[in-house]
Each structure stands twice: as C-alpha cells, then as structure tokens.
Amino acid sequence: MKRNRGQDDSVSPTEVTKNLFTDVWKDHVDEVRTMAGELQSEKMASITRKAKAVVLNQTKKSARLSLVKSDD
C-alpha cells in the first residue's frame, strides 16, 4: 500500500482495511484498529490525529498510521 507513497507518509485504518478485505472491509475495521493499537504498544507504529500522537483505542475519530523507523 505504501509503494506509491513516501517513507514518511501515513495511511488511515480504513485504507488498510479496504486494501486487505476489499468487498467485506467494513466487517474487519475493528480487527485492523486492534492490530494497529498493538503495533503502537510495541512502538512499531505511530498513530496521529491532526499531527498529534493519540492512542487509537481511546479515540473513535479518524487517525493516521505510520511505521516507526528502526535505528538499525
């Protein structure tokens, strides 16, 4: 999904869900949000709303997901 985007760009949980579950994406939104929250907890993803960090499971509003760059 990020192939057409820059390394620092973000995606919405809905974009991820639609990409993974094309015709039944609405059935899987909660699963994707849960996984994004787990990735955030493991510091593998950052989640923002209006360029400010948020905890995904504490907001029902739109958010953006970004991969965290490793220091390797």
N, C-alpha and C. Protein backbone atom coordinates (compact mmCIF):
# COMPACT_ATOMS: atom_id res chain seq x y z
N MET A 1 0.81 -1.19 0.00
CA MET A 1 0.00 0.00 0.00
C MET A 1 0.86 1.26 0.00
N LYS A 2 1.99 1.22 0.69
CA LYS A 2 2.84 2.39 0.76
C LYS A 2 3.80 2.48 -0.42
N ARG A 3 3.68 1.57 -1.38
CA ARG A 3 4.58 1.59 -2.52
C ARG A 3 4.54 2.90 -3.28
N ASN A 4 3.37 3.50 -3.38
CA ASN A 4 3.22 4.74 -4.12
C ASN A 4 3.41 5.97 -3.26
N ARG A 5 3.76 5.78 -2.02
CA ARG A 5 3.89 6.88 -1.08
C ARG A 5 5.32 6.98 -0.58
N GLY A 6 5.65 8.11 -0.01
CA GLY A 6 6.96 8.28 0.58
C GLY A 6 7.08 7.51 1.87
N GLN A 7 8.28 7.30 2.32
CA GLN A 7 8.55 6.53 3.54
C GLN A 7 7.87 7.14 4.77
N ASP A 8 7.73 8.47 4.80
CA ASP A 8 7.19 9.14 5.98
C ASP A 8 5.68 9.33 5.93
N ASP A 9 5.04 8.88 4.87
CA ASP A 9 3.61 9.08 4.75
C ASP A 9 2.83 8.14 5.65
N SER A 10 1.57 8.48 5.86
CA SER A 10 0.72 7.69 6.72
C SER A 10 -0.51 7.21 5.95
N VAL A 11 -1.22 6.28 6.54
CA VAL A 11 -2.46 5.76 5.98
C VAL A 11 -3.51 5.72 7.07
N SER A 12 -4.76 5.70 6.67
CA SER A 12 -5.83 5.57 7.65
C SER A 12 -6.14 4.10 7.88
N PRO A 13 -6.68 3.75 9.05
CA PRO A 13 -7.07 2.37 9.27
C PRO A 13 -8.06 1.87 8.22
N THR A 14 -8.91 2.76 7.74
CA THR A 14 -9.88 2.38 6.71
C THR A 14 -9.18 2.02 5.40
N GLU A 15 -8.15 2.78 5.02
CA GLU A 15 -7.40 2.45 3.81
C GLU A 15 -6.79 1.05 3.92
N VAL A 16 -6.22 0.75 5.06
CA VAL A 16 -5.61 -0.56 5.28
C VAL A 16 -6.68 -1.65 5.16
N THR A 17 -7.81 -1.44 5.83
CA THR A 17 -8.88 -2.43 5.82
C THR A 17 -9.41 -2.66 4.41
N LYS A 18 -9.64 -1.59 3.67
CA LYS A 18 -10.15 -1.73 2.30
C LYS A 18 -9.15 -2.46 1.41
N ASN A 19 -7.88 -2.23 1.64
CA ASN A 19 -6.85 -2.89 0.84
C ASN A 19 -6.79 -4.38 1.15
N LEU A 20 -6.95 -4.75 2.40
CA LEU A 20 -6.86 -6.15 2.81
C LEU A 20 -8.13 -6.95 2.55
N PHE A 21 -9.28 -6.32 2.74
CA PHE A 21 -10.58 -7.02 2.69
C PHE A 21 -11.53 -6.31 1.74
N THR A 22 -11.18 -6.21 0.51
CA THR A 22 -11.85 -5.39 -0.49
C THR A 22 -13.36 -5.33 -0.37
N ASP A 23 -14.05 -6.45 -0.50
CA ASP A 23 -15.51 -6.43 -0.55
C ASP A 23 -16.19 -6.48 0.81
N VAL A 24 -15.47 -6.91 1.81
CA VAL A 24 -16.07 -7.05 3.15
C VAL A 24 -15.32 -6.23 4.18
N TRP A 25 -14.73 -5.14 3.74
CA TRP A 25 -13.85 -4.37 4.61
C TRP A 25 -14.53 -3.89 5.88
N LYS A 26 -15.81 -3.53 5.80
CA LYS A 26 -16.50 -3.00 6.99
C LYS A 26 -16.56 -4.02 8.12
N ASP A 27 -16.52 -5.29 7.76
CA ASP A 27 -16.56 -6.35 8.78
C ASP A 27 -15.24 -6.47 9.54
N HIS A 28 -14.18 -5.82 9.04
CA HIS A 28 -12.85 -6.03 9.60
C HIS A 28 -12.19 -4.76 10.16
N VAL A 29 -12.91 -3.67 10.22
CA VAL A 29 -12.34 -2.40 10.70
C VAL A 29 -11.83 -2.54 12.13
N ASP A 30 -12.61 -3.15 12.99
CA ASP A 30 -12.19 -3.29 14.40
C ASP A 30 -10.93 -4.13 14.53
N GLU A 31 -10.80 -5.18 13.71
CA GLU A 31 -9.60 -6.02 13.74
C GLU A 31 -8.35 -5.22 13.37
N VAL A 32 -8.47 -4.41 12.33
CA VAL A 32 -7.33 -3.61 11.87
C VAL A 32 -6.98 -2.56 12.92
N ARG A 33 -7.98 -1.93 13.51
CA ARG A 33 -7.71 -0.94 14.56
C ARG A 33 -7.04 -1.60 15.77
N THR A 34 -7.47 -2.80 16.12
CA THR A 34 -6.86 -3.53 17.23
C THR A 34 -5.40 -3.84 16.94
N MET A 35 -5.12 -4.32 15.74
CA MET A 35 -3.74 -4.64 15.36
C MET A 35 -2.89 -3.37 15.36
N ALA A 36 -3.44 -2.27 14.85
CA ALA A 36 -2.70 -1.01 14.85
C ALA A 36 -2.38 -0.58 16.27
N GLY A 37 -3.33 -0.75 17.19
CA GLY A 37 -3.08 -0.42 18.59
C GLY A 37 -1.99 -1.29 19.19
N GLU A 38 -1.96 -2.57 18.81
CA GLU A 38 -0.91 -3.46 19.30
C GLU A 38 0.45 -3.04 18.74
N LEU A 39 0.50 -2.67 17.47
CA LEU A 39 1.76 -2.20 16.88
C LEU A 39 2.22 -0.92 17.55
N GLN A 40 1.27 -0.06 17.91
CA GLN A 40 1.62 1.17 18.62
C GLN A 40 2.19 0.83 20.00
N SER A 41 1.59 -0.12 20.70
CA SER A 41 2.07 -0.53 22.02
C SER A 41 3.49 -1.08 21.96
N GLU A 42 3.81 -1.74 20.85
CA GLU A 42 5.14 -2.31 20.66
C GLU A 42 6.10 -1.32 20.01
N LYS A 43 5.64 -0.08 19.86
CA LYS A 43 6.44 1.01 19.28
C LYS A 43 6.90 0.71 17.85
N MET A 44 6.06 -0.03 17.14
CA MET A 44 6.33 -0.35 15.74
C MET A 44 5.54 0.56 14.80
N ALA A 45 4.53 1.24 15.35
CA ALA A 45 3.70 2.16 14.55
C ALA A 45 3.38 3.37 15.40
N SER A 46 3.22 4.50 14.73
CA SER A 46 2.75 5.69 15.43
C SER A 46 1.36 6.02 14.88
N ILE A 47 0.54 6.56 15.75
CA ILE A 47 -0.83 6.89 15.38
C ILE A 47 -1.07 8.34 15.74
N THR A 48 -1.53 9.10 14.75
CA THR A 48 -1.73 10.53 14.95
C THR A 48 -3.12 10.96 14.50
N ARG A 49 -3.54 12.07 15.04
CA ARG A 49 -4.76 12.76 14.62
C ARG A 49 -4.40 14.23 14.58
N LYS A 50 -4.54 14.82 13.40
CA LYS A 50 -4.17 16.22 13.20
C LYS A 50 -2.73 16.48 13.66
N ALA A 51 -1.83 15.56 13.27
CA ALA A 51 -0.38 15.64 13.53
C ALA A 51 0.00 15.54 15.01
N LYS A 52 -0.93 15.11 15.85
CA LYS A 52 -0.63 14.91 17.27
C LYS A 52 -0.82 13.44 17.62
N ALA A 53 0.09 12.90 18.41
CA ALA A 53 0.01 11.49 18.79
C ALA A 53 -1.25 11.21 19.60
N VAL A 54 -1.90 10.10 19.28
CA VAL A 54 -3.09 9.66 20.01
C VAL A 54 -2.96 8.16 20.27
N VAL A 55 -3.73 7.68 21.24
CA VAL A 55 -3.83 6.24 21.48
C VAL A 55 -5.09 5.79 20.74
N LEU A 56 -4.92 4.91 19.79
CA LEU A 56 -6.01 4.55 18.88
C LEU A 56 -7.23 4.03 19.60
N ASN A 57 -7.06 3.19 20.61
CA ASN A 57 -8.23 2.63 21.29
C ASN A 57 -8.93 3.63 22.20
N GLN A 58 -8.41 4.85 22.29
CA GLN A 58 -9.04 5.88 23.10
C GLN A 58 -9.74 6.93 22.24
N THR A 59 -9.78 6.71 20.92
CA THR A 59 -10.48 7.64 20.05
C THR A 59 -11.26 6.87 19.00
N LYS A 60 -12.42 7.35 18.66
CA LYS A 60 -13.21 6.76 17.58
C LYS A 60 -13.12 7.65 16.34
N LYS A 61 -12.43 8.77 16.48
CA LYS A 61 -12.29 9.70 15.36
C LYS A 61 -11.21 9.22 14.40
N SER A 62 -11.14 9.87 13.26
CA SER A 62 -10.16 9.46 12.25
C SER A 62 -8.74 9.60 12.78
N ALA A 63 -7.88 8.72 12.31
CA ALA A 63 -6.48 8.72 12.74
C ALA A 63 -5.63 8.30 11.56
N ARG A 64 -4.34 8.53 11.66
CA ARG A 64 -3.38 8.14 10.62
C ARG A 64 -2.35 7.20 11.23
N LEU A 65 -1.97 6.19 10.47
CA LEU A 65 -0.99 5.20 10.92
C LEU A 65 0.30 5.38 10.15
N SER A 66 1.41 5.30 10.85
CA SER A 66 2.74 5.37 10.23
C SER A 66 3.64 4.31 10.85
N LEU A 67 4.51 3.75 10.05
CA LEU A 67 5.50 2.83 10.58
C LEU A 67 6.59 3.62 11.30
N VAL A 68 7.08 3.09 12.39
CA VAL A 68 8.18 3.71 13.11
C VAL A 68 9.48 3.19 12.51
N LYS A 69 10.36 4.09 12.18
CA LYS A 69 11.66 3.70 11.61
C LYS A 69 12.52 3.10 12.70
N SER A 70 13.17 2.00 12.38
CA SER A 70 14.08 1.38 13.36
C SER A 70 15.44 2.07 13.28
N ASP A 71 16.21 1.98 14.33
CA ASP A 71 17.53 2.59 14.39
C ASP A 71 18.62 1.67 13.89
N ASP A 72 18.23 0.52 13.32
CA ASP A 72 19.22 -0.46 12.85
C ASP A 72 20.06 0.06 11.72
